[in-house]
Amino acid sequence: SGSVSWWYHVAVIIRHQGKAFVIDPSLEVTSPLELADWVKLQVPKPSQDAQLAICTGNSYGPNSNCAAEENELLSDAEAAHEISDYLSYERRNLEKLGRDSQAELGDNPPW
């Protein structure tokens, strides 16, 4: 039990049979969620408390161009550096929560 919060969050959205589904192992490790259900897991009143942006697959952060083209992607070295930074932050957060960061973020994550 407990809660987490963030000022932005990124997840993969796919469309299947006319419905939008979100793949987000931080909220549901067993299956994709319908978009509305995914939002409701995060905010009690989505119409009042949430701002959503559904962007291209090349966008990943709050400062990304939502309509980014492939030629605007980070270089491999820049991407590796950013991933390393994000993982370091996440490891520290998990450890503050008393969780095993290696088990959750290592080679065999629970999802």
PDB file of N, CA and C in Angstrom:
ATOM      1  N   SER A   1       0.842  -1.183   0.000  1.00  0.00           N
ATOM      2  CA  SER A   1       0.000   0.000   0.000  1.00  0.00           C
ATOM      3  C   SER A   1       0.880   1.236   0.000  1.00  0.00           C
ATOM      4  N   GLY A   2       0.297   2.360  -0.322  1.00  0.00           N
ATOM      5  CA  GLY A   2       1.039   3.598  -0.394  1.00  0.00           C
ATOM      6  C   GLY A   2       0.700   4.336  -1.665  1.00  0.00           C
ATOM      7  N   SER A   3       1.473   5.343  -1.945  1.00  0.00           N
ATOM      8  CA  SER A   3       1.225   6.106  -3.160  1.00  0.00           C
ATOM      9  C   SER A   3       2.529   6.677  -3.678  1.00  0.00           C
ATOM     10  N   VAL A   4       2.513   7.043  -4.921  1.00  0.00           N
ATOM     11  CA  VAL A   4       3.631   7.730  -5.550  1.00  0.00           C
ATOM     12  C   VAL A   4       3.063   8.938  -6.272  1.00  0.00           C
ATOM     13  N   SER A   5       3.918   9.874  -6.578  1.00  0.00           N
ATOM     14  CA  SER A   5       3.470  11.023  -7.363  1.00  0.00           C
ATOM     15  C   SER A   5       4.597  11.445  -8.290  1.00  0.00           C
ATOM     16  N   TRP A   6       4.231  12.134  -9.331  1.00  0.00           N
ATOM     17  CA  TRP A   6       5.205  12.661 -10.268  1.00  0.00           C
ATOM     18  C   TRP A   6       4.612  13.875 -10.949  1.00  0.00           C
ATOM     19  N   TRP A   7       5.479  14.708 -11.468  1.00  0.00           N
ATOM     20  CA  TRP A   7       4.985  15.894 -12.159  1.00  0.00           C
ATOM     21  C   TRP A   7       4.846  15.649 -13.645  1.00  0.00           C
ATOM     22  N   TYR A   8       5.422  14.578 -14.159  1.00  0.00           N
ATOM     23  CA  TYR A   8       5.133  14.127 -15.514  1.00  0.00           C
ATOM     24  C   TYR A   8       5.382  12.637 -15.558  1.00  0.00           C
ATOM     25  N   HIS A   9       4.757  11.990 -16.504  1.00  0.00           N
ATOM     26  CA  HIS A   9       4.884  10.540 -16.620  1.00  0.00           C
ATOM     27  C   HIS A   9       4.739  10.170 -18.087  1.00  0.00           C
ATOM     28  N   VAL A  10       5.551   9.242 -18.540  1.00  0.00           N
ATOM     29  CA  VAL A  10       5.550   8.828 -19.941  1.00  0.00           C
ATOM     30  C   VAL A  10       5.250   7.343 -20.017  1.00  0.00           C
ATOM     31  N   ALA A  11       4.399   6.969 -20.944  1.00  0.00           N
ATOM     32  CA  ALA A  11       4.085   5.559 -21.171  1.00  0.00           C
ATOM     33  C   ALA A  11       3.750   5.363 -22.650  1.00  0.00           C
ATOM     34  N   VAL A  12       3.826   4.129 -23.076  1.00  0.00           N
ATOM     35  CA  VAL A  12       3.527   3.778 -24.468  1.00  0.00           C
ATOM     36  C   VAL A  12       2.020   3.607 -24.636  1.00  0.00           C
ATOM     37  N   ILE A  13       1.484   4.181 -25.708  1.00  0.00           N
ATOM     38  CA  ILE A  13       0.066   4.007 -26.043  1.00  0.00           C
ATOM     39  C   ILE A  13      -0.026   3.318 -27.396  1.00  0.00           C
ATOM     40  N   ILE A  14      -0.883   2.322 -27.462  1.00  0.00           N
ATOM     41  CA  ILE A  14      -1.151   1.642 -28.731  1.00  0.00           C
ATOM     42  C   ILE A  14      -2.653   1.694 -29.001  1.00  0.00           C
ATOM     43  N   ARG A  15      -3.009   1.557 -30.258  1.00  0.00           N
ATOM     44  CA  ARG A  15      -4.424   1.496 -30.620  1.00  0.00           C
ATOM     45  C   ARG A  15      -4.711   0.081 -31.098  1.00  0.00           C
ATOM     46  N   HIS A  16      -5.765  -0.518 -30.539  1.00  0.00           N
ATOM     47  CA  HIS A  16      -6.173  -1.873 -30.914  1.00  0.00           C
ATOM     48  C   HIS A  16      -7.691  -1.905 -31.021  1.00  0.00           C
ATOM     49  N   GLN A  17      -8.176  -2.296 -32.172  1.00  0.00           N
ATOM     50  CA  GLN A  17      -9.616  -2.381 -32.425  1.00  0.00           C
ATOM     51  C   GLN A  17     -10.338  -1.094 -32.025  1.00  0.00           C
ATOM     52  N   GLY A  18      -9.732   0.033 -32.378  1.00  0.00           N
ATOM     53  CA  GLY A  18     -10.355   1.327 -32.150  1.00  0.00           C
ATOM     54  C   GLY A  18     -10.228   1.883 -30.745  1.00  0.00           C
ATOM     55  N   LYS A  19      -9.573   1.164 -29.844  1.00  0.00           N
ATOM     56  CA  LYS A  19      -9.406   1.635 -28.465  1.00  0.00           C
ATOM     57  C   LYS A  19      -7.931   1.925 -28.187  1.00  0.00           C
ATOM     58  N   ALA A  20      -7.689   2.919 -27.337  1.00  0.00           N
ATOM     59  CA  ALA A  20      -6.327   3.256 -26.920  1.00  0.00           C
ATOM     60  C   ALA A  20      -5.991   2.480 -25.650  1.00  0.00           C
ATOM     61  N   PHE A  21      -4.841   1.803 -25.676  1.00  0.00           N
ATOM     62  CA  PHE A  21      -4.350   1.050 -24.522  1.00  0.00           C
ATOM     63  C   PHE A  21      -2.974   1.576 -24.142  1.00  0.00           C
ATOM     64  N   VAL A  22      -2.698   1.577 -22.846  1.00  0.00           N
ATOM     65  CA  VAL A  22      -1.422   2.062 -22.331  1.00  0.00           C
ATOM     66  C   VAL A  22      -0.631   0.886 -21.774  1.00  0.00           C
ATOM     67  N   ILE A  23       0.637   0.813 -22.173  1.00  0.00           N
ATOM     68  CA  ILE A  23       1.565  -0.178 -21.622  1.00  0.00           C
ATOM     69  C   ILE A  23       2.437   0.570 -20.622  1.00  0.00           C
ATOM     70  N   ASP A  24       2.219   0.303 -19.350  1.00  0.00           N
ATOM     71  CA  ASP A  24       2.914   1.040 -18.297  1.00  0.00           C
ATOM     72  C   ASP A  24       3.173   0.125 -17.102  1.00  0.00           C
ATOM     73  N   PRO A  25       4.316  -0.576 -17.107  1.00  0.00           N
ATOM     74  CA  PRO A  25       4.596  -1.508 -16.014  1.00  0.00           C
ATOM     75  C   PRO A  25       4.746  -0.845 -14.648  1.00  0.00           C
ATOM     76  N   SER A  26       4.874   0.470 -14.602  1.00  0.00           N
ATOM     77  CA  SER A  26       4.941   1.118 -13.289  1.00  0.00           C
ATOM     78  C   SER A  26       3.577   1.130 -12.602  1.00  0.00           C
ATOM     79  N   LEU A  27       2.505   0.959 -13.368  1.00  0.00           N
ATOM     80  CA  LEU A  27       1.158   0.940 -12.788  1.00  0.00           C
ATOM     81  C   LEU A  27       0.464  -0.405 -12.921  1.00  0.00           C
ATOM     82  N   GLU A  28       0.801  -1.166 -13.952  1.00  0.00           N
ATOM     83  CA  GLU A  28       0.175  -2.475 -14.164  1.00  0.00           C
ATOM     84  C   GLU A  28       1.172  -3.365 -14.903  1.00  0.00           C
ATOM     85  N   VAL A  29       1.651  -4.403 -14.216  1.00  0.00           N
ATOM     86  CA  VAL A  29       2.699  -5.247 -14.799  1.00  0.00           C
ATOM     87  C   VAL A  29       2.166  -6.399 -15.631  1.00  0.00           C
ATOM     88  N   THR A  30       0.893  -6.712 -15.553  1.00  0.00           N
ATOM     89  CA  THR A  30       0.394  -7.920 -16.208  1.00  0.00           C
ATOM     90  C   THR A  30      -0.238  -7.701 -17.569  1.00  0.00           C
ATOM     91  N   SER A  31      -0.741  -6.500 -17.840  1.00  0.00           N
ATOM     92  CA  SER A  31      -1.411  -6.289 -19.127  1.00  0.00           C
ATOM     93  C   SER A  31      -1.566  -4.798 -19.409  1.00  0.00           C
ATOM     94  N   PRO A  32      -1.807  -4.460 -20.677  1.00  0.00           N
ATOM     95  CA  PRO A  32      -2.104  -3.059 -20.995  1.00  0.00           C
ATOM     96  C   PRO A  32      -3.417  -2.628 -20.341  1.00  0.00           C
ATOM     97  N   LEU A  33      -3.544  -1.334 -20.130  1.00  0.00           N
ATOM     98  CA  LEU A  33      -4.766  -0.751 -19.561  1.00  0.00           C
ATOM     99  C   LEU A  33      -5.437   0.131 -20.607  1.00  0.00           C
ATOM    100  N   GLU A  34      -6.764   0.169 -20.591  1.00  0.00           N
ATOM    101  CA  GLU A  34      -7.436   1.152 -21.433  1.00  0.00           C
ATOM    102  C   GLU A  34      -7.035   2.538 -20.939  1.00  0.00           C
ATOM    103  N   LEU A  35      -6.924   3.478 -21.857  1.00  0.00           N
ATOM    104  CA  LEU A  35      -6.432   4.813 -21.531  1.00  0.00           C
ATOM    105  C   LEU A  35      -7.179   5.439 -20.349  1.00  0.00           C
ATOM    106  N   ALA A  36      -8.494   5.395 -20.350  1.00  0.00           N
ATOM    107  CA  ALA A  36      -9.272   6.003 -19.256  1.00  0.00           C
ATOM    108  C   ALA A  36      -8.965   5.339 -17.916  1.00  0.00           C
ATOM    109  N   ASP A  37      -8.802   4.024 -17.907  1.00  0.00           N
ATOM    110  CA  ASP A  37      -8.485   3.311 -16.659  1.00  0.00           C
ATOM    111  C   ASP A  37      -7.093   3.685 -16.165  1.00  0.00           C
ATOM    112  N   TRP A  38      -6.149   3.839 -17.091  1.00  0.00           N
ATOM    113  CA  TRP A  38      -4.780   4.233 -16.752  1.00  0.00           C
ATOM    114  C   TRP A  38      -4.778   5.613 -16.087  1.00  0.00           C
ATOM    115  N   VAL A  39      -5.539   6.545 -16.660  1.00  0.00           N
ATOM    116  CA  VAL A  39      -5.604   7.895 -16.085  1.00  0.00           C
ATOM    117  C   VAL A  39      -6.224   7.850 -14.694  1.00  0.00           C
ATOM    118  N   LYS A  40      -7.293   7.087 -14.533  1.00  0.00           N
ATOM    119  CA  LYS A  40      -7.983   7.011 -13.233  1.00  0.00           C
ATOM    120  C   LYS A  40      -7.104   6.420 -12.133  1.00  0.00           C
ATOM    121  N   LEU A  41      -6.128   5.595 -12.498  1.00  0.00           N
ATOM    122  CA  LEU A  41      -5.204   5.066 -11.490  1.00  0.00           C
ATOM    123  C   LEU A  41      -4.313   6.163 -10.909  1.00  0.00           C
ATOM    124  N   GLN A  42      -4.168   7.245 -11.645  1.00  0.00           N
ATOM    125  CA  GLN A  42      -3.234   8.288 -11.246  1.00  0.00           C
ATOM    126  C   GLN A  42      -3.889   9.516 -10.627  1.00  0.00           C
ATOM    127  N   VAL A  43      -5.086   9.838 -11.042  1.00  0.00           N
ATOM    128  CA  VAL A  43      -5.758  11.041 -10.542  1.00  0.00           C
ATOM    129  C   VAL A  43      -7.225  10.735 -10.249  1.00  0.00           C
ATOM    130  N   PRO A  44      -7.748  11.258  -9.136  1.00  0.00           N
ATOM    131  CA  PRO A  44      -9.131  10.952  -8.765  1.00  0.00           C
ATOM    132  C   PRO A  44     -10.170  11.574  -9.703  1.00  0.00           C
ATOM    133  N   LYS A  45      -9.901  12.765 -10.198  1.00  0.00           N
ATOM    134  CA  LYS A  45     -10.843  13.467 -11.080  1.00  0.00           C
ATOM    135  C   LYS A  45     -10.101  13.880 -12.351  1.00  0.00           C
ATOM    136  N   PRO A  46      -9.966  12.963 -13.309  1.00  0.00           N
ATOM    137  CA  PRO A  46      -9.161  13.253 -14.499  1.00  0.00           C
ATOM    138  C   PRO A  46      -9.537  14.539 -15.224  1.00  0.00           C
ATOM    139  N   SER A  47     -10.813  14.852 -15.328  1.00  0.00           N
ATOM    140  CA  SER A  47     -11.200  16.056 -16.069  1.00  0.00           C
ATOM    141  C   SER A  47     -10.742  17.334 -15.366  1.00  0.00           C
ATOM    142  N   GLN A  48     -10.501  17.258 -14.059  1.00  0.00           N
ATOM    143  CA  GLN A  48     -10.053  18.426 -13.300  1.00  0.00           C
ATOM    144  C   GLN A  48      -8.561  18.383 -12.983  1.00  0.00           C
ATOM    145  N   ASP A  49      -8.014  17.182 -12.793  1.00  0.00           N
ATOM    146  CA  ASP A  49      -6.669  17.049 -12.239  1.00  0.00           C
ATOM    147  C   ASP A  49      -5.589  16.599 -13.216  1.00  0.00           C
ATOM    148  N   ALA A  50      -5.944  16.288 -14.452  1.00  0.00           N
ATOM    149  CA  ALA A  50      -4.945  15.725 -15.363  1.00  0.00           C
ATOM    150  C   ALA A  50      -4.817  16.545 -16.637  1.00  0.00           C
ATOM    151  N   GLN A  51      -3.591  16.649 -17.110  1.00  0.00           N
ATOM    152  CA  GLN A  51      -3.306  17.202 -18.425  1.00  0.00           C
ATOM    153  C   GLN A  51      -2.600  16.116 -19.196  1.00  0.00           C
ATOM    154  N   LEU A  52      -3.123  15.747 -20.353  1.00  0.00           N
ATOM    155  CA  LEU A  52      -2.523  14.692 -21.157  1.00  0.00           C
ATOM    156  C   LEU A  52      -2.046  15.251 -22.486  1.00  0.00           C
ATOM    157  N   ALA A  53      -0.973  14.673 -22.985  1.00  0.00           N
ATOM    158  CA  ALA A  53      -0.500  14.952 -24.336  1.00  0.00           C
ATOM    159  C   ALA A  53      -0.136  13.610 -24.953  1.00  0.00           C
ATOM    160  N   ILE A  54      -0.778  13.275 -26.042  1.00  0.00           N
ATOM    161  CA  ILE A  54      -0.442  12.045 -26.756  1.00  0.00           C
ATOM    162  C   ILE A  54       0.414  12.468 -27.938  1.00  0.00           C
ATOM    163  N   CYS A  55       1.672  12.041 -27.896  1.00  0.00           N
ATOM    164  CA  CYS A  55       2.686  12.535 -28.823  1.00  0.00           C
ATOM    165  C   CYS A  55       3.220  11.422 -29.719  1.00  0.00           C
ATOM    166  N   THR A  56       4.109  11.795 -30.613  1.00  0.00           N
ATOM    167  CA  THR A  56       4.770  10.802 -31.452  1.00  0.00           C
ATOM    168  C   THR A  56       5.662   9.919 -30.588  1.00  0.00           C
ATOM    169  N   GLY A  57       6.082   8.806 -31.128  1.00  0.00           N
ATOM    170  CA  GLY A  57       6.961   7.896 -30.409  1.00  0.00           C
ATOM    171  C   GLY A  57       8.344   8.457 -30.155  1.00  0.00           C
ATOM    172  N   ASN A  58       8.658   9.585 -30.754  1.00  0.00           N
ATOM    173  CA  ASN A  58       9.969  10.200 -30.563  1.00  0.00           C
ATOM    174  C   ASN A  58       9.990  11.170 -29.388  1.00  0.00           C
ATOM    175  N   SER A  59       8.871  11.370 -28.737  1.00  0.00           N
ATOM    176  CA  SER A  59       8.773  12.264 -27.579  1.00  0.00           C
ATOM    177  C   SER A  59       8.803  11.425 -26.313  1.00  0.00           C
ATOM    178  N   TYR A  60       9.485  11.911 -25.286  1.00  0.00           N
ATOM    179  CA  TYR A  60       9.579  11.100 -24.068  1.00  0.00           C
ATOM    180  C   TYR A  60       9.648  11.904 -22.787  1.00  0.00           C
ATOM    181  N   GLY A  61       9.710  13.193 -22.857  1.00  0.00           N
ATOM    182  CA  GLY A  61       9.840  13.978 -21.639  1.00  0.00           C
ATOM    183  C   GLY A  61       9.038  15.259 -21.711  1.00  0.00           C
ATOM    184  N   PRO A  62       8.977  15.998 -20.604  1.00  0.00           N
ATOM    185  CA  PRO A  62       8.151  17.201 -20.556  1.00  0.00           C
ATOM    186  C   PRO A  62       8.632  18.308 -21.490  1.00  0.00           C
ATOM    187  N   ASN A  63       9.883  18.264 -21.881  1.00  0.00           N
ATOM    188  CA  ASN A  63      10.413  19.287 -22.778  1.00  0.00           C
ATOM    189  C   ASN A  63      10.571  18.797 -24.209  1.00  0.00           C
ATOM    190  N   SER A  64      10.126  17.571 -24.478  1.00  0.00           N
ATOM    191  CA  SER A  64      10.205  17.030 -25.833  1.00  0.00           C
ATOM    192  C   SER A  64       9.200  17.733 -26.735  1.00  0.00           C
ATOM    193  N   ASN A  65       9.556  17.837 -28.001  1.00  0.00           N
ATOM    194  CA  ASN A  65       8.625  18.317 -29.009  1.00  0.00           C
ATOM    195  C   ASN A  65       7.592  17.214 -29.221  1.00  0.00           C
ATOM    196  N   CYS A  66       6.339  17.486 -28.945  1.00  0.00           N
ATOM    197  CA  CYS A  66       5.293  16.464 -29.005  1.00  0.00           C
ATOM    198  C   CYS A  66       5.135  15.885 -30.413  1.00  0.00           C
ATOM    199  N   ALA A  67       5.493  16.643 -31.411  1.00  0.00           N
ATOM    200  CA  ALA A  67       5.389  16.172 -32.792  1.00  0.00           C
ATOM    201  C   ALA A  67       6.774  15.886 -33.370  1.00  0.00           C
ATOM    202  N   ALA A  68       7.707  15.497 -32.510  1.00  0.00           N
ATOM    203  CA  ALA A  68       9.101  15.307 -32.924  1.00  0.00           C
ATOM    204  C   ALA A  68       9.219  14.312 -34.075  1.00  0.00           C
ATOM    205  N   GLU A  69      10.065  14.662 -35.009  1.00  0.00           N
ATOM    206  CA  GLU A  69      10.374  13.771 -36.129  1.00  0.00           C
ATOM    207  C   GLU A  69      11.606  12.954 -35.769  1.00  0.00           C
ATOM    208  N   GLU A  70      11.828  11.882 -36.508  1.00  0.00           N
ATOM    209  CA  GLU A  70      12.953  10.999 -36.201  1.00  0.00           C
ATOM    210  C   GLU A  70      14.288  11.730 -36.238  1.00  0.00           C
ATOM    211  N   ASN A  71      14.427  12.735 -37.115  1.00  0.00           N
ATOM    212  CA  ASN A  71      15.705  13.449 -37.208  1.00  0.00           C
ATOM    213  C   ASN A  71      15.979  14.324 -35.988  1.00  0.00           C
ATOM    214  N   GLU A  72      15.023  14.423 -35.062  1.00  0.00           N
ATOM    215  CA  GLU A  72      15.213  15.203 -33.841  1.00  0.00           C
ATOM    216  C   GLU A  72      15.599  14.331 -32.646  1.00  0.00           C
ATOM    217  N   LEU A  73      15.839  13.062 -32.885  1.00  0.00           N
ATOM    218  CA  LEU A  73      16.176  12.147 -31.798  1.00  0.00           C
ATOM    219  C   LEU A  73      17.559  12.440 -31.240  1.00  0.00           C
ATOM    220  N   LEU A  74      17.775  12.032 -30.000  1.00  0.00           N
ATOM    221  CA  LEU A  74      19.101  12.133 -29.397  1.00  0.00           C
ATOM    222  C   LEU A  74      20.046  11.159 -30.082  1.00  0.00           C
ATOM    223  N   SER A  75      21.324  11.470 -30.028  1.00  0.00           N
ATOM    224  CA  SER A  75      22.316  10.508 -30.513  1.00  0.00           C
ATOM    225  C   SER A  75      22.327   9.315 -29.561  1.00  0.00           C
ATOM    226  N   ASP A  76      22.921   8.209 -29.977  1.00  0.00           N
ATOM    227  CA  ASP A  76      22.995   7.035 -29.106  1.00  0.00           C
ATOM    228  C   ASP A  76      23.691   7.371 -27.786  1.00  0.00           C
ATOM    229  N   ALA A  77      24.771   8.146 -27.854  1.00  0.00           N
ATOM    230  CA  ALA A  77      25.512   8.503 -26.639  1.00  0.00           C
ATOM    231  C   ALA A  77      24.660   9.383 -25.717  1.00  0.00           C
ATOM    232  N   GLU A  78      23.939  10.357 -26.297  1.00  0.00           N
ATOM    233  CA  GLU A  78      23.073  11.224 -25.486  1.00  0.00           C
ATOM    234  C   GLU A  78      21.946  10.420 -24.836  1.00  0.00           C
ATOM    235  N   ALA A  79      21.360   9.505 -25.605  1.00  0.00           N
ATOM    236  CA  ALA A  79      20.271   8.678 -25.073  1.00  0.00           C
ATOM    237  C   ALA A  79      20.773   7.784 -23.943  1.00  0.00           C
ATOM    238  N   ALA A  80      21.941   7.174 -24.125  1.00  0.00           N
ATOM    239  CA  ALA A  80      22.503   6.308 -23.085  1.00  0.00           C
ATOM    240  C   ALA A  80      22.760   7.106 -21.806  1.00  0.00           C
ATOM    241  N   HIS A  81      23.245   8.330 -21.937  1.00  0.00           N
ATOM    242  CA  HIS A  81      23.503   9.183 -20.778  1.00  0.00           C
ATOM    243  C   HIS A  81      22.196   9.518 -20.057  1.00  0.00           C
ATOM    244  N   GLU A  82      21.162   9.895 -20.804  1.00  0.00           N
ATOM    245  CA  GLU A  82      19.870  10.217 -20.176  1.00  0.00           C
ATOM    246  C   GLU A  82      19.261   9.008 -19.487  1.00  0.00           C
ATOM    247  N   ILE A  83      19.323   7.845 -20.141  1.00  0.00           N
ATOM    248  CA  ILE A  83      18.778   6.625 -19.540  1.00  0.00           C
ATOM    249  C   ILE A  83      19.497   6.317 -18.235  1.00  0.00           C
ATOM    250  N   SER A  84      20.811   6.448 -18.246  1.00  0.00           N
ATOM    251  CA  SER A  84      21.600   6.197 -17.044  1.00  0.00           C
ATOM    252  C   SER A  84      21.184   7.144 -15.911  1.00  0.00           C
ATOM    253  N   ASP A  85      20.979   8.418 -16.247  1.00  0.00           N
ATOM    254  CA  ASP A  85      20.535   9.389 -15.240  1.00  0.00           C
ATOM    255  C   ASP A  85      19.175   9.012 -14.667  1.00  0.00           C
ATOM    256  N   TYR A  86      18.212   8.707 -15.552  1.00  0.00           N
ATOM    257  CA  TYR A  86      16.867   8.350 -15.084  1.00  0.00           C
ATOM    258  C   TYR A  86      16.898   7.095 -14.214  1.00  0.00           C
ATOM    259  N   LEU A  87      17.684   6.096 -14.611  1.00  0.00           N
ATOM    260  CA  LEU A  87      17.767   4.869 -13.819  1.00  0.00           C
ATOM    261  C   LEU A  87      18.391   5.129 -12.453  1.00  0.00           C
ATOM    262  N   SER A  88      19.379   6.008 -12.397  1.00  0.00           N
ATOM    263  CA  SER A  88      19.980   6.361 -11.104  1.00  0.00           C
ATOM    264  C   SER A  88      18.951   7.001 -10.182  1.00  0.00           C
ATOM    265  N   TYR A  89      18.158   7.934 -10.722  1.00  0.00           N
ATOM    266  CA  TYR A  89      17.100   8.561  -9.921  1.00  0.00           C
ATOM    267  C   TYR A  89      16.103   7.515  -9.440  1.00  0.00           C
ATOM    268  N   GLU A  90      15.710   6.613 -10.339  1.00  0.00           N
ATOM    269  CA  GLU A  90      14.712   5.605  -9.980  1.00  0.00           C
ATOM    270  C   GLU A  90      15.262   4.633  -8.944  1.00  0.00           C
ATOM    271  N   ARG A  91      16.529   4.235  -9.076  1.00  0.00           N
ATOM    272  CA  ARG A  91      17.140   3.346  -8.077  1.00  0.00           C
ATOM    273  C   ARG A  91      17.110   3.992  -6.691  1.00  0.00           C
ATOM    274  N   ARG A  92      17.487   5.263  -6.626  1.00  0.00           N
ATOM    275  CA  ARG A  92      17.475   5.970  -5.340  1.00  0.00           C
ATOM    276  C   ARG A  92      16.055   6.039  -4.765  1.00  0.00           C
ATOM    277  N   ASN A  93      15.076   6.316  -5.620  1.00  0.00           N
ATOM    278  CA  ASN A  93      13.684   6.368  -5.146  1.00  0.00           C
ATOM    279  C   ASN A  93      13.246   5.025  -4.587  1.00  0.00           C
ATOM    280  N   LEU A  94      13.548   3.944  -5.291  1.00  0.00           N
ATOM    281  CA  LEU A  94      13.164   2.611  -4.817  1.00  0.00           C
ATOM    282  C   LEU A  94      13.837   2.290  -3.489  1.00  0.00           C
ATOM    283  N   GLU A  95      15.109   2.633  -3.364  1.00  0.00           N
ATOM    284  CA  GLU A  95      15.833   2.355  -2.125  1.00  0.00           C
ATOM    285  C   GLU A  95      15.265   3.169  -0.956  1.00  0.00           C
ATOM    286  N   LYS A  96      14.857   4.418  -1.214  1.00  0.00           N
ATOM    287  CA  LYS A  96      14.213   5.223  -0.167  1.00  0.00           C
ATOM    288  C   LYS A  96      12.916   4.573   0.307  1.00  0.00           C
ATOM    289  N   LEU A  97      12.252   3.861  -0.602  1.00  0.00           N
ATOM    290  CA  LEU A  97      11.006   3.169  -0.262  1.00  0.00           C
ATOM    291  C   LEU A  97      11.252   1.803   0.368  1.00  0.00           C
ATOM    292  N   GLY A  98      12.541   1.442   0.546  1.00  0.00           N
ATOM    293  CA  GLY A  98      12.879   0.155   1.146  1.00  0.00           C
ATOM    294  C   GLY A  98      12.712  -1.017   0.191  1.00  0.00           C
ATOM    295  N   ARG A  99      12.743  -0.738  -1.108  1.00  0.00           N
ATOM    296  CA  ARG A  99      12.561  -1.791  -2.102  1.00  0.00           C
ATOM    297  C   ARG A  99      13.903  -2.178  -2.706  1.00  0.00           C
ATOM    298  N   ASP A 100      13.949  -3.339  -3.343  1.00  0.00           N
ATOM    299  CA  ASP A 100      15.164  -3.872  -3.947  1.00  0.00           C
ATOM    300  C   ASP A 100      15.281  -3.358  -5.379  1.00  0.00           C
ATOM    301  N   SER A 101      16.095  -2.328  -5.580  1.00  0.00           N
ATOM    302  CA  SER A 101      16.205  -1.712  -6.902  1.00  0.00           C
ATOM    303  C   SER A 101      16.786  -2.667  -7.940  1.00  0.00           C
ATOM    304  N   GLN A 102      17.689  -3.544  -7.542  1.00  0.00           N
ATOM    305  CA  GLN A 102      18.264  -4.493  -8.498  1.00  0.00           C
ATOM    306  C   GLN A 102      17.207  -5.486  -8.978  1.00  0.00           C
ATOM    307  N   ALA A 103      16.363  -5.944  -8.068  1.00  0.00           N
ATOM    308  CA  ALA A 103      15.308  -6.888  -8.455  1.00  0.00           C
ATOM    309  C   ALA A 103      14.305  -6.229  -9.398  1.00  0.00           C
ATOM    310  N   GLU A 104      14.022  -4.952  -9.183  1.00  0.00           N
ATOM    311  CA  GLU A 104      13.005  -4.278  -9.988  1.00  0.00           C
ATOM    312  C   GLU A 104      13.543  -3.656 -11.268  1.00  0.00           C
ATOM    313  N   LEU A 105      14.807  -3.258 -11.271  1.00  0.00           N
ATOM    314  CA  LEU A 105      15.359  -2.578 -12.441  1.00  0.00           C
ATOM    315  C   LEU A 105      16.514  -3.328 -13.093  1.00  0.00           C
ATOM    316  N   GLY A 106      16.888  -4.471 -12.544  1.00  0.00           N
ATOM    317  CA  GLY A 106      18.009  -5.238 -13.078  1.00  0.00           C
ATOM    318  C   GLY A 106      17.643  -5.999 -14.342  1.00  0.00           C
ATOM    319  N   ASP A 107      18.324  -7.112 -14.563  1.00  0.00           N
ATOM    320  CA  ASP A 107      18.146  -7.880 -15.792  1.00  0.00           C
ATOM    321  C   ASP A 107      16.834  -8.639 -15.861  1.00  0.00           C
ATOM    322  N   ASN A 108      16.156  -8.831 -14.741  1.00  0.00           N
ATOM    323  CA  ASN A 108      14.911  -9.602 -14.715  1.00  0.00           C
ATOM    324  C   ASN A 108      13.809  -8.857 -13.971  1.00  0.00           C
ATOM    325  N   PRO A 109      13.337  -7.723 -14.532  1.00  0.00           N
ATOM    326  CA  PRO A 109      12.286  -6.975 -13.841  1.00  0.00           C
ATOM    327  C   PRO A 109      11.009  -7.801 -13.736  1.00  0.00           C
ATOM    328  N   PRO A 110      10.119  -7.441 -12.810  1.00  0.00           N
ATOM    329  CA  PRO A 110       8.921  -8.248 -12.562  1.00  0.00           C
ATOM    330  C   PRO A 110       7.957  -8.312 -13.730  1.00  0.00           C
ATOM    331  N   TRP A 111       8.055  -7.449 -14.677  1.00  0.00           N
ATOM    332  CA  TRP A 111       7.145  -7.517 -15.815  1.00  0.00           C
ATOM    333  C   TRP A 111       7.775  -8.296 -16.921  1.00  0.00           C
TER     334      TRP A 111
END
